[in-house]
Amino acid sequence: MNKQAFPASLLILSPVLTRAGDPSSSVAGLATTPLADGALVYCQENGFEYQLDRQDSTTIADGVNVIAPLSGPGRWFRRLPAQNTGVLVWRPDGLGDVRTWDEVMAVVSSNTGPTTIYCPQPPSVQFPAPVYVVQPGPPPATPVVWDMKGSQFVAPRGPHDAIQIQIRRGATLLNLARIAGGLRLQASKQAGDPQALTFTTADPSISVVFVVDDGAELKNLGSATDAVLTVPGTGQEYYVVFNQMGTAQADGGYPTVVALAGAVLNVNVLSGGLSLDTFQPPNWIGSDPAANVRWIHDGTMAFPLGFWTGYHPNNAGTNVNQPTGIGGGMGPQAYRPTFQGGGGPSVGCMYFDTDEVPPVPIWWDSTQWVDSAGLPV
């Protein structure tokens, strides 16, 4: 069948089988001279729609996102997927829904709600790590704040560094909600650069929540002289949630997460996040002496002596152990659990106190800590 037998005024053409190849059944084989600007054609090979721009005959054709016609002016450009679907596959090699960061943000901006940005492309010779880059770079590039609208980056499960997403020095991600899977969200901000992650809420009494989930990692690279996430000293509560082996790391001397004077940072650790089974990297957290840091966990945390201020030497704030239930973790007497506000933990909360000789489990009986014989300890 000859796919070119249609009036010039027709904008929606019959589907073709492939992007290239047989001129009678491919996008590239469509002669564009008789076609109207903006003509559309569906390609069955990859399931995408292409649109003709007759005015552009210079854009480099990669055969996936941009196709040059064998005959006639213009270029065929792959159209972005239908908007407001909430799901987007980002692959710089062109085998996903979008290829570039600008294309990602074109979809995120047009969606009325959060977008799940799936990042499945591993590093390769052609695309070495980091495969995914959030632009722009350092000066003289103009900084850009990208409104993520509560979106999330998700990758297939795997090692923390299987997929790397680099936030460049001129970029800020506003209101990113979550990272999950075998990916690392990393930055190397310098003093004076715009912040990597920022958050706003309609009401300052609403807490900010950022989730590192399902094996993902939030990382500050060794050359950084500023944090990836800075918790302001406004009193607004920030929750950084590490769930199911989610973790954080700082390669060099500057922490990944920093709480300023007056800040309230809640480090939520659930289902093995930041687990000592995979001993969390030191110094990922820092805090001002006038900051409050609450370690809220489900009993999967351990607090060895010096954990808050020795293992994390830049963590100078007031740190407290606040379990969500009756599992209080383990550590020295100074790290015994409390409840939010400083009161006692849940009745029956157990804590393995390493300062006792020998170390023993103890329980909160609603007024004091007792051992297994009911004696105060």
Protein backbone atom coordinates (compact mmCIF):
# COMPACT_ATOMS: atom_id res chain seq x y z
CA MET A 1 0.00 0.00 0.00
CA ASN A 2 1.33 3.45 -0.91
CA LYS A 3 1.20 5.61 2.21
CA GLN A 4 1.67 8.82 0.17
CA ALA A 5 -1.69 8.70 -1.61
CA PHE A 6 -3.50 11.41 0.38
CA PRO A 7 -4.48 15.06 -0.13
CA ALA A 8 -1.95 17.69 0.92
CA SER A 9 -4.46 19.18 3.35
CA LEU A 10 -4.76 15.94 5.32
CA LEU A 11 -3.11 16.29 8.75
CA ILE A 12 -3.66 12.81 10.21
CA LEU A 13 -2.06 10.14 8.03
CA SER A 14 -2.53 6.38 7.89
CA PRO A 15 -0.30 4.47 10.35
CA VAL A 16 3.08 3.23 9.14
CA LEU A 17 4.92 0.10 10.22
CA THR A 18 8.44 1.35 11.01
CA ARG A 19 10.51 4.48 11.65
CA ALA A 20 12.83 3.76 8.70
CA GLY A 21 13.28 1.12 6.02
CA ASP A 22 10.71 0.46 3.31
CA PRO A 23 9.77 3.90 1.93
CA SER A 24 6.19 2.73 1.36
CA SER A 25 5.60 1.88 5.05
CA SER A 26 7.94 4.00 7.17
CA VAL A 27 7.96 7.47 8.71
CA ALA A 28 11.16 8.38 6.88
CA GLY A 29 9.61 7.24 3.58
CA LEU A 30 6.76 9.74 3.72
CA ALA A 31 7.42 12.42 1.09
CA THR A 32 6.81 15.68 2.92
CA THR A 33 6.54 18.11 -0.02
CA PRO A 34 2.76 17.64 -0.45
CA LEU A 35 2.07 17.48 3.31
CA ALA A 36 0.78 20.29 5.50
CA ASP A 37 2.92 21.58 8.34
CA GLY A 38 1.96 19.74 11.53
CA ALA A 39 0.89 16.51 9.82
CA LEU A 40 0.70 13.54 12.20
CA VAL A 41 1.53 9.88 11.65
CA TYR A 42 1.47 6.90 14.03
CA CYS A 43 4.41 4.46 13.97
CA GLN A 44 3.50 0.89 14.90
CA GLU A 45 7.13 -0.12 15.52
CA ASN A 46 7.53 1.88 18.72
CA GLY A 47 3.96 2.98 19.41
CA PHE A 48 4.65 6.71 19.11
CA GLU A 49 3.16 9.51 17.08
CA TYR A 50 5.34 11.78 14.93
CA GLN A 51 4.57 15.32 13.83
CA LEU A 52 5.99 17.12 10.81
CA ASP A 53 7.75 20.46 11.17
CA ARG A 54 8.26 21.63 7.59
CA GLN A 55 10.25 24.68 8.70
CA ASP A 56 13.02 22.67 10.40
CA SER A 57 15.37 20.76 8.11
CA THR A 58 18.51 21.21 10.22
CA THR A 59 17.87 19.41 13.52
CA ILE A 60 20.11 16.35 13.68
CA ALA A 61 18.01 13.25 13.12
CA ASP A 62 18.65 10.41 15.59
CA GLY A 63 16.10 8.08 14.01
CA VAL A 64 14.08 7.81 17.22
CA ASN A 65 13.08 11.24 18.46
CA VAL A 66 13.81 13.05 15.20
CA ILE A 67 13.44 11.46 11.76
CA ALA A 68 14.61 13.04 8.51
CA PRO A 69 12.37 12.37 5.49
CA LEU A 70 13.94 10.66 2.49
CA SER A 71 12.18 13.18 0.29
CA GLY A 72 10.97 16.71 1.01
CA PRO A 73 11.55 19.41 3.63
CA GLY A 74 11.32 19.30 7.43
CA ARG A 75 11.75 16.83 10.22
CA TRP A 76 9.43 14.33 11.92
CA PHE A 77 9.47 14.89 15.69
CA ARG A 78 8.25 12.27 18.12
CA ARG A 79 5.42 13.72 20.18
CA LEU A 80 5.42 13.65 23.96
CA PRO A 81 3.08 11.10 25.50
CA ALA A 82 -0.46 12.05 26.44
CA GLN A 83 -0.40 14.46 29.35
CA ASN A 84 -1.77 13.93 32.86
CA THR A 85 -1.10 10.19 32.81
CA GLY A 86 1.08 10.58 35.89
CA VAL A 87 3.75 8.14 34.62
CA LEU A 88 6.78 8.96 32.48
CA VAL A 89 9.70 6.82 31.28
CA TRP A 90 12.92 8.86 30.97
CA ARG A 91 15.69 7.30 28.88
CA PRO A 92 18.48 9.45 27.42
CA ASP A 93 19.02 6.77 24.75
CA GLY A 94 15.61 7.60 23.28
CA LEU A 95 13.92 4.29 24.11
CA GLY A 96 11.52 5.80 26.64
CA ASP A 97 8.82 8.47 26.56
CA VAL A 98 11.30 11.35 26.78
CA ARG A 99 15.03 11.74 26.27
CA THR A 100 16.15 15.09 27.75
CA TRP A 101 15.59 16.84 31.07
CA ASP A 102 13.73 19.64 29.28
CA GLU A 103 11.33 17.03 27.89
CA VAL A 104 10.86 15.57 31.37
CA MET A 105 9.92 18.96 32.76
CA ALA A 106 7.62 19.71 29.82
CA VAL A 107 5.51 16.76 30.95
CA VAL A 108 5.82 17.45 34.70
CA SER A 109 4.82 21.09 34.16
CA SER A 110 1.79 20.20 32.06
CA ASN A 111 0.51 17.57 34.47
CA THR A 112 -2.02 18.77 37.03
CA GLY A 113 -0.67 16.41 39.70
CA PRO A 114 2.52 14.55 40.66
CA THR A 115 4.42 12.55 38.05
CA THR A 116 6.26 9.27 38.55
CA ILE A 117 9.48 9.57 36.55
CA TYR A 118 10.76 6.07 35.84
CA CYS A 119 14.52 5.92 35.18
CA PRO A 120 15.51 2.42 33.98
CA GLN A 121 18.59 3.09 31.82
CA PRO A 122 21.86 1.75 33.34
CA PRO A 123 25.27 3.25 32.53
CA SER A 124 26.99 2.09 29.34
CA VAL A 125 29.94 3.01 27.14
CA GLN A 126 27.72 5.39 25.19
CA PHE A 127 26.01 6.76 28.32
CA PRO A 128 28.49 6.62 31.24
CA ALA A 129 27.36 7.45 34.76
CA PRO A 130 25.69 9.66 35.65
CA VAL A 131 23.27 8.76 32.87
CA TYR A 132 20.65 11.19 34.14
CA VAL A 133 21.54 14.86 34.52
CA VAL A 134 19.36 17.67 35.87
CA GLN A 135 20.46 20.89 34.17
CA PRO A 136 21.71 23.62 34.20
CA GLY A 137 25.35 23.60 35.18
CA PRO A 138 27.40 26.16 37.11
CA PRO A 139 27.84 29.84 36.15
CA PRO A 140 27.68 31.39 33.66
CA ALA A 141 24.56 29.26 33.19
CA THR A 142 21.43 30.89 34.66
CA PRO A 143 20.12 28.95 37.70
CA VAL A 144 16.70 27.31 37.34
CA VAL A 145 14.21 26.19 39.99
CA TRP A 146 12.27 23.18 38.67
CA ASP A 147 8.84 22.77 40.27
CA MET A 148 8.46 19.00 40.66
CA LYS A 149 4.87 19.24 42.01
CA GLY A 150 5.38 16.33 44.40
CA SER A 151 6.82 14.04 41.72
CA GLN A 152 9.14 11.09 42.35
CA PHE A 153 12.12 9.39 40.69
CA VAL A 154 11.80 5.59 40.54
CA ALA A 155 14.26 3.00 39.19
CA PRO A 156 14.32 -0.81 39.07
CA ARG A 157 15.46 -2.42 42.29
CA GLY A 158 19.20 -2.93 42.57
CA PRO A 159 22.36 -1.44 44.12
CA HIS A 160 22.25 2.19 45.26
CA ASP A 161 24.53 3.24 42.41
CA ALA A 162 22.86 1.26 39.61
CA ILE A 163 21.26 4.49 38.34
CA GLN A 164 22.71 7.92 39.11
CA ILE A 165 20.76 11.18 38.84
CA GLN A 166 23.03 14.21 39.07
CA ILE A 167 21.61 17.57 40.18
CA ARG A 168 23.98 20.05 38.55
CA ARG A 169 25.16 23.20 40.30
CA GLY A 170 22.66 25.56 38.70
CA ALA A 171 19.60 23.36 39.28
CA THR A 172 17.12 23.27 42.17
CA LEU A 173 14.39 20.64 42.52
CA LEU A 174 11.41 22.17 44.31
CA ASN A 175 8.99 19.83 46.12
CA LEU A 176 10.41 16.51 44.97
CA ALA A 177 8.55 13.96 47.10
CA ARG A 178 10.44 10.66 46.82
CA ILE A 179 13.25 8.63 45.32
CA ALA A 180 12.96 4.84 45.16
CA GLY A 181 14.66 1.75 43.78
CA GLY A 182 18.25 1.20 42.71
CA LEU A 183 19.11 4.83 42.15
CA ARG A 184 21.26 7.51 43.69
CA LEU A 185 20.22 11.16 43.72
CA GLN A 186 23.45 13.09 44.07
CA ALA A 187 24.82 16.62 44.01
CA SER A 188 28.08 18.50 44.44
CA LYS A 189 26.92 21.97 45.38
CA GLN A 190 29.45 24.68 46.20
CA ALA A 191 29.00 27.52 48.67
CA GLY A 192 26.85 30.17 47.02
CA ASP A 193 25.16 27.76 44.61
CA PRO A 194 21.36 27.48 44.67
CA GLN A 195 20.19 24.65 46.89
CA ALA A 196 19.71 21.20 45.36
CA LEU A 197 16.42 20.34 47.11
CA THR A 198 13.92 22.87 48.45
CA PHE A 199 10.35 22.63 49.67
CA THR A 200 7.36 24.90 50.09
CA THR A 201 3.97 24.29 51.68
CA ALA A 202 0.74 26.28 51.56
CA ASP A 203 0.85 26.59 55.35
CA PRO A 204 4.08 26.65 57.42
CA SER A 205 2.34 24.47 60.02
CA ILE A 206 2.29 21.65 57.44
CA SER A 207 5.35 19.43 57.69
CA VAL A 208 7.71 18.80 54.79
CA VAL A 209 8.22 15.12 53.92
CA PHE A 210 10.93 13.66 51.67
CA VAL A 211 11.20 9.87 51.26
CA VAL A 212 14.26 7.76 50.38
CA ASP A 213 12.76 4.38 49.71
CA ASP A 214 13.30 0.82 48.52
CA GLY A 215 17.10 0.88 48.38
CA ALA A 216 17.59 4.41 47.01
CA GLU A 217 20.39 6.70 48.21
CA LEU A 218 20.71 10.45 48.76
CA LYS A 219 24.37 11.37 48.31
CA ASN A 220 26.70 14.34 48.60
CA LEU A 221 29.78 13.96 46.41
CA GLY A 222 33.29 14.48 47.76
CA SER A 223 33.84 17.86 46.12
CA ALA A 224 30.72 19.40 47.67
CA THR A 225 30.93 22.35 50.06
CA ASP A 226 27.19 22.61 50.65
CA ALA A 227 24.42 20.17 51.56
CA VAL A 228 22.00 18.42 49.23
CA LEU A 229 19.14 19.22 51.64
CA THR A 230 19.26 22.09 54.12
CA VAL A 231 16.56 22.25 56.78
CA PRO A 232 15.86 25.94 57.52
CA GLY A 233 15.62 27.29 61.04
CA THR A 234 12.00 28.39 60.67
CA GLY A 235 10.60 25.82 63.11
CA GLN A 236 8.70 24.05 60.33
CA GLU A 237 9.12 20.32 60.83
CA TYR A 238 10.99 18.36 58.16
CA TYR A 239 10.63 14.59 57.88
CA VAL A 240 13.34 12.72 55.97
CA VAL A 241 12.07 9.15 55.74
CA PHE A 242 14.42 6.22 55.09
CA ASN A 243 12.41 3.12 54.31
CA GLN A 244 13.34 -0.42 53.21
CA MET A 245 17.11 0.03 52.96
CA GLY A 246 16.92 3.64 51.79
CA THR A 247 20.08 5.41 52.91
CA ALA A 248 22.25 8.53 52.71
CA GLN A 249 25.96 9.09 52.17
CA ALA A 250 28.53 11.88 52.12
CA ASP A 251 31.73 11.14 50.22
CA GLY A 252 33.69 14.04 51.66
CA GLY A 253 33.59 16.30 54.66
CA TYR A 254 30.29 18.06 53.98
CA PRO A 255 27.11 16.34 55.19
CA THR A 256 24.27 15.43 52.84
CA VAL A 257 21.51 16.78 55.13
CA VAL A 258 22.08 19.78 57.38
CA ALA A 259 19.72 21.27 59.97
CA LEU A 260 20.29 24.96 60.71
CA ALA A 261 19.83 26.74 64.06
CA GLY A 262 16.18 26.53 65.06
CA ALA A 263 15.45 23.69 62.65
CA VAL A 264 13.35 20.64 63.51
CA LEU A 265 14.56 17.57 61.60
CA ASN A 266 12.78 14.26 62.05
CA VAL A 267 14.83 11.35 60.72
CA ASN A 268 12.30 8.56 60.21
CA VAL A 269 13.79 5.08 59.92
CA LEU A 270 11.41 2.29 58.91
CA SER A 271 11.74 -1.34 57.77
CA GLY A 272 15.53 -1.42 57.76
CA GLY A 273 16.26 2.05 56.42
CA LEU A 274 19.72 3.26 57.55
CA SER A 275 20.11 -0.17 59.14
CA LEU A 276 23.30 -0.96 60.99
CA ASP A 277 23.18 -4.31 59.18
CA THR A 278 24.62 -2.30 56.29
CA PHE A 279 26.26 0.19 58.62
CA GLN A 280 25.26 3.58 57.36
CA PRO A 281 28.07 5.79 56.04
CA PRO A 282 29.32 8.32 58.62
CA ASN A 283 28.75 12.06 58.55
CA TRP A 284 25.77 12.14 56.20
CA ILE A 285 23.92 14.31 58.73
CA GLY A 286 24.94 17.65 60.24
CA SER A 287 23.15 20.03 62.58
CA ASP A 288 23.71 23.32 64.37
CA PRO A 289 23.92 23.18 68.20
CA ALA A 290 20.57 25.02 68.27
CA ALA A 291 18.84 22.49 65.98
CA ASN A 292 16.59 19.62 67.10
CA VAL A 293 17.07 16.18 65.53
CA ARG A 294 14.58 13.43 66.34
CA TRP A 295 15.36 9.85 65.38
CA ILE A 296 11.88 8.36 64.89
CA HIS A 297 12.07 4.65 64.15
CA ASP A 298 10.25 1.33 64.36
CA GLY A 299 12.87 -0.46 66.45
CA THR A 300 15.23 -1.26 63.58
CA MET A 301 17.76 1.38 64.67
CA ALA A 302 20.80 0.88 66.87
CA PHE A 303 22.58 3.75 68.62
CA PRO A 304 26.11 2.75 69.67
CA LEU A 305 28.00 5.11 71.95
CA GLY A 306 28.96 8.28 70.11
CA PHE A 307 26.59 7.56 67.25
CA TRP A 308 25.02 11.02 67.16
CA THR A 309 28.08 13.20 67.67
CA GLY A 310 31.09 10.93 67.15
CA TYR A 311 30.08 8.82 64.22
CA HIS A 312 28.39 11.91 62.77
CA PRO A 313 30.86 14.59 63.98
CA ASN A 314 28.97 17.50 62.39
CA ASN A 315 25.73 16.56 64.15
CA ALA A 316 25.91 19.03 67.06
CA GLY A 317 22.18 19.56 67.67
CA THR A 318 19.95 18.10 70.38
CA ASN A 319 19.36 14.48 69.34
CA VAL A 320 16.69 12.22 70.84
CA ASN A 321 15.62 8.60 70.31
CA GLN A 322 11.86 8.49 69.64
CA PRO A 323 10.55 5.02 68.69
CA THR A 324 7.11 4.78 67.14
CA GLY A 325 6.15 1.70 69.18
CA ILE A 326 7.58 -0.65 71.77
CA GLY A 327 10.85 -1.35 69.94
CA GLY A 328 13.30 1.25 71.25
CA GLY A 329 16.52 0.03 69.64
CA MET A 330 19.82 -0.29 71.47
CA GLY A 331 22.59 1.95 72.74
CA PRO A 332 23.97 3.72 75.83
CA GLN A 333 21.90 5.14 78.68
CA ALA A 334 22.06 8.65 77.23
CA TYR A 335 20.12 7.46 74.16
CA ARG A 336 17.22 5.87 76.00
CA PRO A 337 13.92 6.47 74.15
CA THR A 338 11.62 9.41 74.76
CA PHE A 339 8.36 10.49 73.21
CA GLN A 340 7.87 13.59 71.06
CA GLY A 341 7.88 16.52 73.43
CA GLY A 342 10.35 14.81 75.75
CA GLY A 343 7.98 12.60 77.75
CA GLY A 344 8.25 8.87 78.32
CA PRO A 345 7.93 6.40 75.44
CA SER A 346 5.07 3.95 74.96
CA VAL A 347 4.35 1.74 77.95
CA GLY A 348 6.22 -1.52 77.43
CA CYS A 349 8.85 0.03 75.19
CA MET A 350 11.99 -2.11 75.31
CA TYR A 351 15.54 -0.80 74.99
CA PHE A 352 18.79 -2.75 75.08
CA ASP A 353 20.98 -0.63 77.34
CA THR A 354 24.67 -1.16 76.58
CA ASP A 355 25.80 0.90 79.62
CA GLU A 356 24.40 -1.66 82.07
CA VAL A 357 26.90 -4.27 83.32
CA PRO A 358 26.28 -6.65 81.73
CA PRO A 359 24.19 -5.00 78.99
CA VAL A 360 20.52 -5.90 79.45
CA PRO A 361 17.11 -5.20 77.94
CA ILE A 362 15.02 -2.74 79.94
CA TRP A 363 11.36 -1.69 79.73
CA TRP A 364 9.43 1.52 80.32
CA ASP A 365 6.62 0.83 82.85
CA SER A 366 4.91 4.25 82.39
CA THR A 367 6.98 6.02 85.06
CA GLN A 368 10.52 4.56 84.95
CA TRP A 369 12.87 2.10 83.26
CA VAL A 370 12.94 -1.36 84.82
CA ASP A 371 14.78 -4.61 84.18
CA SER A 372 13.24 -8.04 83.71
CA ALA A 373 12.78 -8.36 87.49
CA GLY A 374 10.87 -5.07 87.65
CA LEU A 375 13.73 -3.25 89.41
CA PRO A 376 14.50 0.36 88.41
CA VAL A 377 17.57 0.82 86.22
